[in-house]
Amino acid sequence: MKEIVIVSNLSCAVICAKWALDLGFSQIRQVLFLIGGLLFGPIMLLILYVFLVNKAKKEGGAGAKFF
């Protein structure tokens, strides 16, 4: 069971770092989100997802259209 949690948080950390890169955050913030993803996993993904949706909404992107 421990291994599943470790792999899950590791994958969350990688995705957090990638999304932080896509959002144009500085390298320090990217590392902070990477560490946050390792420690808190899905919570950090949710926070970054909200940032991504808000960015898409401002730019008129497809990610902000729900219907």
N, C-alpha and C. Protein backbone atom coordinates (compact mmCIF):
# COMPACT_ATOMS: atom_id res chain seq x y z
N MET A 1 0.82 -1.19 0.00
CA MET A 1 0.00 0.00 0.00
C MET A 1 0.86 1.26 0.00
N LYS A 2 1.97 1.20 0.72
CA LYS A 2 2.88 2.35 0.77
C LYS A 2 3.40 2.70 -0.62
N GLU A 3 3.68 1.67 -1.42
CA GLU A 3 4.24 1.90 -2.74
C GLU A 3 3.26 2.64 -3.64
N ILE A 4 1.98 2.33 -3.49
CA ILE A 4 0.96 3.00 -4.30
C ILE A 4 0.91 4.48 -3.97
N VAL A 5 0.99 4.82 -2.69
CA VAL A 5 0.96 6.22 -2.27
C VAL A 5 2.19 6.95 -2.77
N ILE A 6 3.34 6.31 -2.71
CA ILE A 6 4.58 6.93 -3.17
C ILE A 6 4.53 7.20 -4.67
N VAL A 7 4.08 6.21 -5.44
CA VAL A 7 4.00 6.37 -6.89
C VAL A 7 2.95 7.42 -7.24
N SER A 8 1.85 7.44 -6.53
CA SER A 8 0.79 8.42 -6.76
C SER A 8 1.30 9.83 -6.51
N ASN A 9 1.95 10.05 -5.39
CA ASN A 9 2.47 11.39 -5.08
C ASN A 9 3.60 11.78 -6.01
N LEU A 10 4.41 10.84 -6.45
CA LEU A 10 5.47 11.14 -7.40
C LEU A 10 4.88 11.58 -8.74
N SER A 11 3.86 10.88 -9.20
CA SER A 11 3.23 11.29 -10.46
C SER A 11 2.52 12.64 -10.31
N CYS A 12 1.91 12.90 -9.15
CA CYS A 12 1.30 14.21 -8.90
C CYS A 12 2.36 15.31 -8.92
N ALA A 13 3.52 15.02 -8.35
CA ALA A 13 4.60 16.01 -8.32
C ALA A 13 5.08 16.35 -9.72
N VAL A 14 5.23 15.34 -10.57
CA VAL A 14 5.69 15.58 -11.94
C VAL A 14 4.66 16.40 -12.72
N ILE A 15 3.39 16.04 -12.56
CA ILE A 15 2.34 16.79 -13.25
C ILE A 15 2.26 18.22 -12.72
N CYS A 16 2.41 18.41 -11.42
CA CYS A 16 2.41 19.76 -10.84
C CYS A 16 3.53 20.61 -11.43
N ALA A 17 4.71 20.04 -11.52
CA ALA A 17 5.84 20.78 -12.08
C ALA A 17 5.59 21.14 -13.54
N LYS A 18 5.01 20.22 -14.30
CA LYS A 18 4.71 20.47 -15.72
C LYS A 18 3.66 21.57 -15.86
N TRP A 19 2.59 21.51 -15.06
CA TRP A 19 1.55 22.54 -15.15
C TRP A 19 2.08 23.89 -14.70
N ALA A 20 2.96 23.91 -13.69
CA ALA A 20 3.55 25.17 -13.25
C ALA A 20 4.42 25.76 -14.37
N LEU A 21 5.09 24.90 -15.12
CA LEU A 21 5.87 25.34 -16.27
C LEU A 21 4.96 25.92 -17.34
N ASP A 22 3.83 25.25 -17.61
CA ASP A 22 2.86 25.73 -18.60
C ASP A 22 2.25 27.07 -18.20
N LEU A 23 2.11 27.29 -16.91
CA LEU A 23 1.53 28.55 -16.43
C LEU A 23 2.53 29.69 -16.44
N GLY A 24 3.79 29.39 -16.68
CA GLY A 24 4.81 30.43 -16.75
C GLY A 24 5.34 30.87 -15.40
N PHE A 25 5.21 30.01 -14.40
CA PHE A 25 5.73 30.34 -13.08
C PHE A 25 7.26 30.31 -13.11
N SER A 26 7.85 31.01 -12.16
CA SER A 26 9.31 31.00 -12.05
C SER A 26 9.79 29.62 -11.62
N GLN A 27 11.09 29.40 -11.76
CA GLN A 27 11.64 28.09 -11.42
C GLN A 27 11.49 27.79 -9.93
N ILE A 28 11.57 28.82 -9.12
CA ILE A 28 11.41 28.62 -7.67
C ILE A 28 9.99 28.14 -7.36
N ARG A 29 8.99 28.77 -7.98
CA ARG A 29 7.61 28.34 -7.76
C ARG A 29 7.37 26.95 -8.34
N GLN A 30 8.03 26.63 -9.45
CA GLN A 30 7.89 25.29 -10.02
C GLN A 30 8.42 24.23 -9.05
N VAL A 31 9.55 24.52 -8.43
CA VAL A 31 10.13 23.58 -7.46
C VAL A 31 9.23 23.47 -6.23
N LEU A 32 8.66 24.60 -5.81
CA LEU A 32 7.74 24.57 -4.67
C LEU A 32 6.51 23.71 -4.97
N PHE A 33 5.97 23.84 -6.19
CA PHE A 33 4.83 23.01 -6.55
C PHE A 33 5.25 21.54 -6.69
N LEU A 34 6.47 21.28 -7.13
CA LEU A 34 6.98 19.91 -7.20
C LEU A 34 7.03 19.31 -5.80
N ILE A 35 7.58 20.04 -4.85
CA ILE A 35 7.66 19.55 -3.47
C ILE A 35 6.26 19.42 -2.87
N GLY A 36 5.41 20.41 -3.15
CA GLY A 36 4.04 20.32 -2.67
C GLY A 36 3.32 19.11 -3.24
N GLY A 37 3.57 18.80 -4.51
CA GLY A 37 2.98 17.62 -5.12
C GLY A 37 3.46 16.33 -4.48
N LEU A 38 4.73 16.32 -4.07
CA LEU A 38 5.26 15.14 -3.38
C LEU A 38 4.61 14.95 -2.02
N LEU A 39 4.35 16.07 -1.34
CA LEU A 39 3.81 15.99 0.02
C LEU A 39 2.29 15.88 0.05
N PHE A 40 1.61 16.64 -0.80
CA PHE A 40 0.16 16.75 -0.70
C PHE A 40 -0.59 16.19 -1.89
N GLY A 41 0.11 15.81 -2.95
CA GLY A 41 -0.47 15.13 -4.10
C GLY A 41 -1.65 15.81 -4.75
N PRO A 42 -2.83 15.22 -4.67
CA PRO A 42 -3.99 15.71 -5.41
C PRO A 42 -4.43 17.13 -5.03
N ILE A 43 -4.15 17.55 -3.81
CA ILE A 43 -4.54 18.91 -3.41
C ILE A 43 -3.79 19.94 -4.26
N MET A 44 -2.51 19.71 -4.50
CA MET A 44 -1.73 20.62 -5.33
C MET A 44 -2.21 20.58 -6.78
N LEU A 45 -2.61 19.41 -7.25
CA LEU A 45 -3.15 19.31 -8.61
C LEU A 45 -4.43 20.13 -8.74
N LEU A 46 -5.27 20.10 -7.73
CA LEU A 46 -6.50 20.87 -7.75
C LEU A 46 -6.21 22.36 -7.79
N ILE A 47 -5.26 22.80 -7.01
CA ILE A 47 -4.89 24.22 -7.00
C ILE A 47 -4.38 24.65 -8.36
N LEU A 48 -3.50 23.86 -8.96
CA LEU A 48 -2.96 24.22 -10.27
C LEU A 48 -4.02 24.12 -11.36
N TYR A 49 -4.96 23.18 -11.21
CA TYR A 49 -6.05 23.06 -12.18
C TYR A 49 -6.89 24.33 -12.19
N VAL A 50 -7.16 24.87 -11.01
CA VAL A 50 -7.92 26.13 -10.92
C VAL A 50 -7.14 27.26 -11.60
N PHE A 51 -5.83 27.32 -11.39
CA PHE A 51 -5.00 28.32 -12.06
C PHE A 51 -5.09 28.16 -13.59
N LEU A 52 -5.03 26.91 -14.07
CA LEU A 52 -5.09 26.66 -15.51
C LEU A 52 -6.44 27.06 -16.10
N VAL A 53 -7.53 26.77 -15.40
CA VAL A 53 -8.86 27.14 -15.89
C VAL A 53 -9.01 28.66 -15.92
N ASN A 54 -8.53 29.33 -14.88
CA ASN A 54 -8.61 30.79 -14.86
C ASN A 54 -7.78 31.42 -15.97
N LYS A 55 -6.61 30.84 -16.25
CA LYS A 55 -5.79 31.35 -17.34
C LYS A 55 -6.49 31.15 -18.68
N ALA A 56 -7.10 29.99 -18.87
CA ALA A 56 -7.83 29.72 -20.12
C ALA A 56 -9.03 30.65 -20.24
N LYS A 57 -9.68 30.95 -19.13
CA LYS A 57 -10.83 31.83 -19.16
C LYS A 57 -10.42 33.25 -19.59
N LYS A 58 -9.29 33.71 -19.08
CA LYS A 58 -8.79 35.05 -19.43
C LYS A 58 -8.39 35.13 -20.90
N GLU A 59 -7.83 34.04 -21.40
CA GLU A 59 -7.36 34.02 -22.78
C GLU A 59 -8.45 33.58 -23.77
N GLY A 60 -9.59 33.17 -23.26
CA GLY A 60 -10.66 32.70 -24.12
C GLY A 60 -10.40 31.31 -24.68
N GLY A 61 -9.61 30.53 -23.96
CA GLY A 61 -9.26 29.19 -24.43
C GLY A 61 -10.37 28.18 -24.21
N ALA A 62 -10.20 27.02 -24.80
CA ALA A 62 -11.21 25.97 -24.74
C ALA A 62 -11.31 25.35 -23.35
N GLY A 63 -10.29 25.47 -22.53
CA GLY A 63 -10.31 24.87 -21.21
C GLY A 63 -11.30 25.51 -20.26
N ALA A 64 -11.77 26.70 -20.57
CA ALA A 64 -12.70 27.39 -19.70
C ALA A 64 -14.15 27.16 -20.06
N LYS A 65 -14.40 26.48 -21.18
CA LYS A 65 -15.78 26.22 -21.62
C LYS A 65 -16.25 24.89 -21.05
N PHE A 66 -17.27 24.93 -20.24
CA PHE A 66 -17.76 23.72 -19.59
C PHE A 66 -18.89 23.07 -20.36
N PHE A 67 -19.67 23.85 -21.12
CA PHE A 67 -20.82 23.29 -21.85
C PHE A 67 -20.71 23.63 -23.31
